[in-house]
Protein backbone atom coordinates (compact mmCIF):
# COMPACT_ATOMS: atom_id res chain seq x y z
CA MET A 1 -24.47 -9.34 18.21
CA ASN A 2 -21.59 -9.28 15.31
CA ARG A 3 -17.79 -10.03 16.54
CA PHE A 4 -16.56 -6.76 14.67
CA ARG A 5 -19.16 -4.35 16.33
CA ARG A 6 -18.26 -5.95 19.79
CA ILE A 7 -14.66 -5.20 19.63
CA GLY A 8 -15.30 -1.42 19.34
CA LEU A 9 -14.41 0.70 15.90
CA THR A 10 -12.50 3.23 18.59
CA SER A 11 -10.02 0.20 18.83
CA LEU A 12 -9.73 -0.25 15.35
CA ALA A 13 -9.07 3.12 14.90
CA ALA A 14 -5.79 3.11 17.60
CA ALA A 15 -5.19 -0.35 16.02
CA LEU A 16 -4.76 1.09 12.75
CA ILE A 17 -2.28 4.34 13.47
CA VAL A 18 0.26 2.01 15.61
CA LEU A 19 0.43 -0.11 13.00
CA GLN A 20 1.33 2.73 10.60
CA ALA A 21 3.55 4.19 13.25
CA THR A 22 5.34 0.45 13.91
CA GLN A 23 5.72 -0.31 10.68
CA LEU A 24 7.71 3.34 9.73
CA SER A 25 9.70 2.30 13.00
CA ILE A 26 10.54 -1.03 11.10
CA TYR A 27 11.75 0.49 8.09
CA ALA A 28 13.84 3.51 9.96
CA ALA A 29 15.41 1.37 12.12
CA SER A 30 16.73 -1.00 8.89
CA ASN A 31 17.74 1.98 7.00
CA GLY A 32 19.76 3.77 9.68
CA GLY A 33 17.02 6.24 10.51
CA ARG A 34 17.61 8.23 7.46
CA SER A 35 17.39 8.30 3.34
CA GLY A 36 21.21 8.67 2.82
CA ASN A 37 22.74 6.47 0.09
CA PRO A 38 25.22 4.24 1.50
CA SER A 39 28.42 4.15 -0.64
CA ALA A 40 29.98 1.61 1.49
CA GLN A 41 29.47 -2.19 0.45
CA GLN A 42 26.71 -3.39 3.30
CA PRO A 43 28.08 -6.32 5.51
CA GLY A 44 27.60 -9.96 4.26
CA SER A 45 26.47 -8.21 0.83
CA THR A 46 27.50 -9.96 -2.65
CA ALA A 47 28.13 -7.40 -5.07
CA THR A 48 30.12 -8.68 -7.82
CA GLY A 49 31.71 -5.47 -9.28
CA SER A 50 29.35 -5.05 -11.76
CA PRO A 51 28.00 -1.63 -12.11
CA GLY A 52 23.99 -3.22 -11.71
CA THR A 53 25.06 -5.11 -8.74
CA ASP A 54 27.00 -2.41 -7.27
CA SER A 55 23.85 -0.17 -7.27
CA TYR A 56 21.34 -2.37 -5.96
CA THR A 57 24.11 -3.05 -3.06
CA ALA A 58 24.57 0.39 -2.19
CA HIS A 59 20.62 1.73 -2.52
CA CYS A 60 18.30 -1.22 -2.11
CA ALA A 61 20.20 -4.14 -0.56
CA THR A 62 19.30 -2.94 2.75
CA CYS A 63 15.70 -3.28 2.62
CA HIS A 64 14.75 -5.55 0.03
CA GLY A 65 17.88 -7.89 1.10
CA GLU A 66 20.83 -9.37 -0.93
CA ASN A 67 18.90 -11.29 -3.30
CA ARG A 68 15.83 -9.33 -3.78
CA GLU A 69 14.02 -11.67 -1.81
CA GLY A 70 12.35 -8.51 0.25
CA ASN A 71 10.65 -9.12 3.56
CA PRO A 72 6.68 -9.21 3.41
CA PRO A 73 4.84 -8.15 4.07
CA THR A 74 6.74 -4.87 5.51
CA VAL A 75 9.14 -5.25 2.59
CA PRO A 76 8.32 -6.73 -1.26
CA SER A 77 10.43 -8.90 -2.91
CA LEU A 78 11.85 -7.54 -5.96
CA LEU A 79 12.02 -11.15 -7.97
CA GLY A 80 10.52 -10.71 -11.22
CA VAL A 81 9.73 -7.20 -10.41
CA LYS A 82 10.02 -6.69 -14.24
CA GLN A 83 7.22 -9.29 -15.01
CA ARG A 84 4.87 -6.63 -12.70
CA LEU A 85 6.24 -2.93 -13.65
CA THR A 86 7.82 -1.31 -16.43
CA ASP A 87 11.22 0.12 -16.73
CA GLN A 88 9.75 3.37 -16.57
CA GLN A 89 7.38 2.57 -13.86
CA ILE A 90 10.58 1.39 -11.58
CA THR A 91 12.43 4.60 -12.65
CA THR A 92 9.60 6.63 -11.38
CA LEU A 93 9.43 4.71 -7.79
CA VAL A 94 13.46 4.99 -7.69
CA HIS A 95 13.35 8.89 -8.42
CA ASN A 96 10.37 9.47 -6.51
CA GLY A 97 10.19 6.78 -4.05
CA LYS A 98 6.81 5.84 -2.61
CA GLY A 99 5.26 5.23 0.76
CA GLN A 100 8.06 4.08 3.17
CA MET A 101 10.59 4.00 0.40
CA PRO A 102 12.69 7.28 0.01
CA ALA A 103 13.75 8.72 -3.42
CA PHE A 104 17.12 8.28 -5.28
CA PRO A 105 16.88 10.96 -7.64
CA GLU A 106 21.18 10.91 -8.19
CA VAL A 107 20.67 7.18 -9.93
CA GLN A 108 20.79 8.35 -13.45
CA GLN A 109 21.60 7.61 -17.11
CA ALA A 110 24.42 4.94 -16.65
CA GLU A 111 23.76 3.62 -13.08
CA LEU A 112 20.25 3.73 -13.79
CA THR A 113 19.96 1.70 -17.16
CA ALA A 114 22.53 -1.16 -15.22
CA LEU A 115 19.97 -1.17 -12.29
CA LEU A 116 17.59 -1.69 -14.46
CA ARG A 117 19.32 -4.71 -16.40
CA TYR A 118 20.38 -6.47 -13.09
CA LEU A 119 16.56 -6.15 -11.88
CA GLY A 120 15.57 -8.27 -15.04
CA THR A 121 18.33 -10.82 -14.18
CA PRO A 122 17.19 -13.94 -12.41
CA ALA A 123 18.11 -14.71 -8.92
CA ILE A 124 21.63 -16.45 -8.19
CA ALA A 125 19.80 -18.69 -5.60
CA THR A 126 16.14 -18.44 -5.26
CA PRO A 127 14.28 -19.76 -2.44
CA LYS A 128 12.19 -22.76 -2.58
CA PRO A 129 8.66 -21.46 -3.54
CA GLU A 130 6.39 -22.22 -0.83
CA PRO A 131 2.83 -23.68 -1.73
CA ALA A 132 0.06 -20.98 -1.59
CA ALA A 133 -2.11 -20.87 1.50
CA THR A 134 -5.39 -22.25 1.44
CA ALA A 135 -5.31 -24.27 4.45
CA SER A 136 -6.55 -21.46 6.78
CA VAL A 137 -9.64 -21.91 4.52
CA PRO A 138 -11.51 -24.95 5.96
CA GLY A 139 -12.38 -27.29 2.94
CA SER A 140 -10.09 -25.56 0.40
CA HIS A 141 -8.66 -27.26 -2.53
CA VAL A 142 -6.80 -26.01 -5.49
CA SER A 143 -5.75 -28.22 -8.60
CA GLY A 144 -4.98 -27.76 -12.06
CA PRO A 145 -5.02 -24.51 -13.43
CA SER A 146 -6.09 -22.93 -9.73
CA ALA A 147 -2.99 -24.65 -8.28
CA ALA A 148 -0.95 -23.07 -10.80
CA GLY A 149 -2.76 -19.71 -10.32
CA GLY A 150 -2.22 -19.98 -6.27
CA ALA A 151 1.62 -20.10 -6.90
CA ILE A 152 1.47 -17.32 -9.27
CA PHE A 153 -0.80 -14.90 -6.98
CA ALA A 154 1.78 -16.06 -4.04
CA LYS A 155 4.98 -14.39 -5.70
CA ASP A 156 2.98 -11.62 -6.70
CA CYS A 157 -0.16 -10.68 -5.56
CA GLY A 158 0.19 -11.97 -1.82
CA PHE A 159 1.86 -9.08 -0.32
CA CYS A 160 -0.94 -7.06 -0.58
CA HIS A 161 -3.97 -9.19 -1.09
CA GLY A 162 -2.77 -12.16 1.57
CA ARG A 163 -1.73 -15.60 0.20
CA ASP A 164 -5.02 -16.85 0.23
CA ALA A 165 -6.68 -13.69 -1.67
CA MET A 166 -8.29 -13.13 1.95
CA GLY A 167 -6.96 -9.40 2.43
CA GLY A 168 -3.20 -8.72 3.13
CA GLU A 169 -1.07 -5.61 4.46
CA SER A 170 -2.86 -3.22 2.03
CA GLY A 171 -4.96 -5.13 -0.58
CA PRO A 172 -8.49 -5.79 0.08
CA ASP A 173 -10.41 -9.54 0.36
CA LEU A 174 -10.87 -10.85 -2.74
CA THR A 175 -13.41 -13.70 -1.58
CA SER A 176 -15.70 -11.16 -0.83
CA SER A 177 -15.18 -8.63 -4.00
CA ARG A 178 -18.10 -7.18 -6.20
CA LEU A 179 -15.80 -7.66 -9.29
CA VAL A 180 -15.00 -11.20 -8.42
CA ARG A 181 -18.43 -11.95 -7.90
CA THR A 182 -19.42 -10.53 -11.30
CA ASP A 183 -16.47 -11.92 -13.07
CA ARG A 184 -17.04 -14.65 -15.60
CA GLY A 185 -14.22 -16.85 -16.83
CA GLY A 186 -11.98 -14.16 -15.71
CA ASP A 187 -13.28 -11.16 -17.95
CA LYS A 188 -13.07 -8.57 -15.06
CA ILE A 189 -10.30 -10.07 -13.03
CA SER A 190 -8.03 -10.04 -15.95
CA ASP A 191 -8.76 -6.44 -16.97
CA VAL A 192 -8.05 -5.41 -13.49
CA VAL A 193 -4.17 -7.42 -13.45
CA LEU A 194 -3.21 -6.27 -16.92
CA ASN A 195 -4.30 -2.37 -16.30
CA GLY A 196 -4.26 -1.89 -12.40
CA ARG A 197 -6.00 0.50 -10.26
CA ILE A 198 -3.22 3.19 -10.11
CA ASP A 199 -5.78 5.36 -7.88
CA LYS A 200 -6.24 2.51 -5.31
CA GLY A 201 -1.97 1.82 -5.33
CA MET A 202 -2.48 -1.30 -7.42
CA PRO A 203 0.14 -1.51 -10.84
CA ALA A 204 -0.19 -3.13 -13.57
CA PHE A 205 1.06 -6.67 -14.51
CA LYS A 206 2.46 -8.27 -17.33
CA PHE A 207 0.79 -11.92 -17.84
CA SER A 208 0.13 -14.23 -20.45
CA SER A 209 -3.62 -15.07 -20.74
CA GLU A 210 -3.21 -18.60 -19.86
CA GLU A 211 -1.67 -16.92 -16.54
CA LEU A 212 -4.69 -14.60 -16.14
CA LEU A 213 -7.09 -17.29 -16.40
CA GLN A 214 -4.92 -19.61 -13.83
CA ILE A 215 -5.26 -16.51 -11.48
CA ALA A 216 -8.88 -16.34 -11.95
CA ALA A 217 -9.36 -19.82 -11.71
CA PHE A 218 -7.88 -19.57 -8.01
CA ILE A 219 -9.54 -16.52 -6.94
CA HIS A 220 -13.04 -17.96 -7.56
CA ALA A 221 -11.83 -21.64 -5.69
CA GLN A 222 -10.76 -19.31 -2.60
CA GLU A 223 -13.85 -17.47 -3.26
CA ALA A 224 -15.72 -20.62 -3.34
CA ALA A 225 -14.23 -21.88 -0.42
CA ALA A 226 -14.85 -18.81 1.89
CA ALA A 227 -18.12 -18.88 1.25
CA VAL A 228 -18.75 -22.27 3.09
CA VAL A 229 -16.77 -21.12 5.80
CA LYS A 230 -19.46 -20.64 9.07
CA LYS A 231 -20.01 -17.20 9.94
CA GLY A 232 -17.80 -15.35 12.22
CA GLY A 233 -14.92 -17.81 10.60
CA ARG A 234 -13.45 -15.13 8.11
CA ARG A 235 -10.62 -12.45 8.42
CA GLY A 236 -12.71 -10.30 6.30
CA VAL A 237 -15.55 -7.70 7.19
CA GLU A 238 -18.54 -7.76 5.38
CA VAL A 239 -20.28 -4.85 3.92
CA ALA A 240 -23.10 -4.87 6.22
CA ASP A 241 -21.27 -4.57 9.44
CA LEU A 242 -20.46 -1.07 8.37
CA GLN A 243 -24.02 0.07 7.63
CA THR A 244 -25.49 0.20 11.01
CA GLY A 245 -25.06 3.70 11.62
CA ASN A 246 -27.52 6.68 11.13
CA ALA A 247 -26.66 8.72 7.97
CA GLU A 248 -28.23 12.23 9.26
CA ALA A 249 -26.22 12.02 12.21
CA GLY A 250 -23.31 11.35 10.40
CA LYS A 251 -24.08 14.51 8.34
CA GLN A 252 -24.41 16.29 11.35
CA TYR A 253 -20.80 15.21 12.76
CA PHE A 254 -19.34 15.65 9.85
CA ASP A 255 -20.67 19.22 9.43
CA GLY A 256 -20.12 20.18 13.34
CA ALA A 257 -18.04 18.38 15.72
CA GLY A 258 -15.98 16.18 13.59
CA GLY A 259 -14.74 19.27 11.59
CA CYS A 260 -14.54 17.24 8.42
CA VAL A 261 -16.37 20.01 6.45
CA LYS A 262 -13.28 21.77 6.94
CA CYS A 263 -11.42 20.54 4.37
CA HIS A 264 -13.91 18.14 2.58
CA SER A 265 -16.82 18.44 0.86
CA ALA A 266 -19.49 15.93 -0.17
CA THR A 267 -20.36 17.39 -3.32
CA GLY A 268 -16.59 18.18 -4.15
CA ASP A 269 -13.24 15.93 -3.36
CA LEU A 270 -15.84 13.04 -1.40
CA ALA A 271 -18.45 13.01 -4.45
CA GLY A 272 -18.57 9.23 -5.54
CA ILE A 273 -16.17 8.10 -3.01
CA ALA A 274 -18.98 5.32 -2.00
CA ASN A 275 -18.28 4.20 -5.32
CA ARG A 276 -14.55 4.12 -5.50
CA TYR A 277 -14.59 2.33 -2.12
CA GLU A 278 -16.69 0.16 -0.05
CA GLY A 279 -16.68 -1.55 3.26
CA LEU A 280 -13.30 -1.93 5.38
CA GLN A 281 -11.77 -0.01 2.42
CA LEU A 282 -13.64 2.79 2.69
CA GLU A 283 -13.32 2.98 7.02
CA GLU A 284 -9.79 2.39 6.86
CA ARG A 285 -9.57 5.48 3.91
CA MET A 286 -12.02 7.60 6.59
CA LEU A 287 -9.91 6.56 9.60
CA TYR A 288 -6.40 6.94 8.14
CA PRO A 289 -6.14 8.39 4.59
CA ARG A 290 -2.96 6.86 3.54
CA GLY A 291 -1.02 8.05 0.61
CA ALA A 292 -2.63 11.89 1.37
CA LYS A 293 0.25 14.13 0.09
CA SER A 294 1.51 16.66 2.70
CA GLN A 295 3.19 19.84 1.72
CA VAL A 296 6.06 21.55 3.41
CA THR A 297 7.45 25.19 2.92
CA VAL A 298 11.26 25.51 3.69
CA LYS A 299 12.89 28.58 4.91
CA LEU A 300 16.71 28.79 3.78
CA PRO A 301 19.43 30.47 5.73
CA SER A 302 19.14 33.56 3.23
CA GLY A 303 15.07 33.69 4.01
CA ASP A 304 14.46 32.59 1.14
CA LYS A 305 11.40 29.89 0.98
CA ILE A 306 10.59 26.88 -1.18
CA ALA A 307 7.67 25.14 -0.93
CA GLY A 308 6.26 21.61 -2.38
CA VAL A 309 4.76 18.26 -2.11
CA LEU A 310 6.71 16.29 1.28
CA ALA A 311 8.58 13.78 -0.54
CA TYR A 312 11.54 12.75 2.72
CA GLN A 313 11.33 13.65 6.60
CA ASP A 314 13.35 12.15 9.41
CA GLU A 315 15.70 13.75 11.86
CA PHE A 316 18.71 14.63 9.86
CA THR A 317 16.68 15.35 6.46
CA ILE A 318 13.79 17.45 5.35
CA GLY A 319 13.02 16.53 1.13
CA LEU A 320 10.09 18.25 -0.85
CA ARG A 321 9.78 18.45 -4.82
CA ASP A 322 8.50 21.26 -6.11
CA SER A 323 5.80 22.19 -8.72
CA SER A 324 8.46 21.33 -11.51
CA GLY A 325 8.93 17.99 -9.52
CA ILE A 326 12.31 18.33 -9.02
CA TYR A 327 13.81 17.18 -5.59
CA HIS A 328 15.41 19.07 -3.02
CA SER A 329 17.01 18.02 0.24
CA TRP A 330 18.54 19.86 3.05
CA GLU A 331 19.90 18.75 6.55
CA THR A 332 17.06 19.90 9.17
CA SER A 333 19.63 21.60 11.04
CA GLN A 334 20.23 24.00 8.81
CA VAL A 335 16.70 25.25 7.88
CA LYS A 336 13.80 25.70 9.02
CA TYR A 337 10.23 24.14 8.05
CA VAL A 338 6.51 23.65 8.45
CA VAL A 339 4.75 20.58 7.37
CA ASP A 340 1.03 20.48 6.68
CA SER A 341 -0.36 17.20 7.10
CA PRO A 342 -3.52 16.32 5.97
CA VAL A 343 -3.94 13.15 7.92
CA ASP A 344 -3.00 15.15 10.91
CA ALA A 345 -6.82 16.03 11.58
CA HIS A 346 -7.85 12.09 11.25
CA VAL A 347 -5.03 11.02 13.95
CA GLU A 348 -6.33 14.15 16.00
CA LEU A 349 -10.11 12.45 16.02
CA PHE A 350 -8.95 8.91 17.18
CA SER A 351 -8.92 9.91 20.59
CA LYS A 352 -12.02 11.78 20.26
CA TYR A 353 -14.40 9.55 18.35
CA THR A 354 -17.35 7.17 19.88
CA ASP A 355 -18.35 4.12 18.40
CA ALA A 356 -21.52 5.96 17.39
CA ASP A 357 -19.55 8.85 15.74
CA ILE A 358 -17.81 6.27 13.02
CA HIS A 359 -20.61 3.98 12.47
CA ASN A 360 -22.66 7.37 12.00
CA LEU A 361 -20.20 8.77 9.89
CA MET A 362 -19.39 5.46 7.62
CA ALA A 363 -23.03 5.52 6.72
CA TYR A 364 -22.89 9.16 5.77
CA LEU A 365 -20.10 8.62 3.38
CA GLN A 366 -21.80 5.55 2.04
CA THR A 367 -24.17 7.82 0.30
CA MET A 368 -21.79 9.97 -1.33
CA ARG A 369 -22.18 8.31 -4.57
């Protein structure tokens, strides 16, 4: 019996939500439990007094480190960030936040310009780069273009896809990717790297043609090495492992006991989902759809109500973006609010799922093409 099926998918479901909660706790602890923008220099920081450095120290250094080194995989490195993102993309992240990162809409004009300029400067003390991790794949060997590509991949792609391209914090295992299998000479890989996949959370990167070929060479070297690993030795999960359920039973669960039809439709929001996600990506999306936008309605002391997309929440602060994109925040002790989180229904199912429910529901989702 496949090792993955023996561990039980309900255990996987529980592990995913515990991982998510742990990451949020790590972030909250490192940021003092709130999204405030400290004006005082953090202990041990090395601000030089320049506007860009001061802004970074005040808003970013607590999590991303004094030298922008980050703490992968929890917090990404910002070294070389302007090779990966445009100024506008960085500005959007600063103003809107993303995932565990709070928004800093007050960083504007001269301060924003100085911060962007600082993020484009080389690090004062760059840590010695570590070699790309390939030892975990028996028989793997990289040299020439693939070795150079491995160094680039480890720095810019390893945070999500793992340093060995076999899956990481949020990105899939590229050694079993359908796109990689059909890539010829880097044509498909280069297109994805240059244009990104914004719908899946992957930004676009600005690499030269030579660097793109090197990255593709490294990924294909890892793909070839992974292919010779004995069965059961991979970290990833094969798509076939998740195709053992009964689609008709899954439809009955979707329409009935699971309550999925209350929020979703096979011909509406889920139409074509099996073309957008496959295998473990699809299962993770089903169990806990990260990035789903929560709505919040805030009632002010005056009785007026403001509604919008939840932008930030902790025990001290509640923040939202209204329909015009304007950010508002209040102290939680001063207002009343109601959050409508679409992932709550998924979390509630964790204690109710059986392995058969998850297998069958997966089988049904894979018919939605």
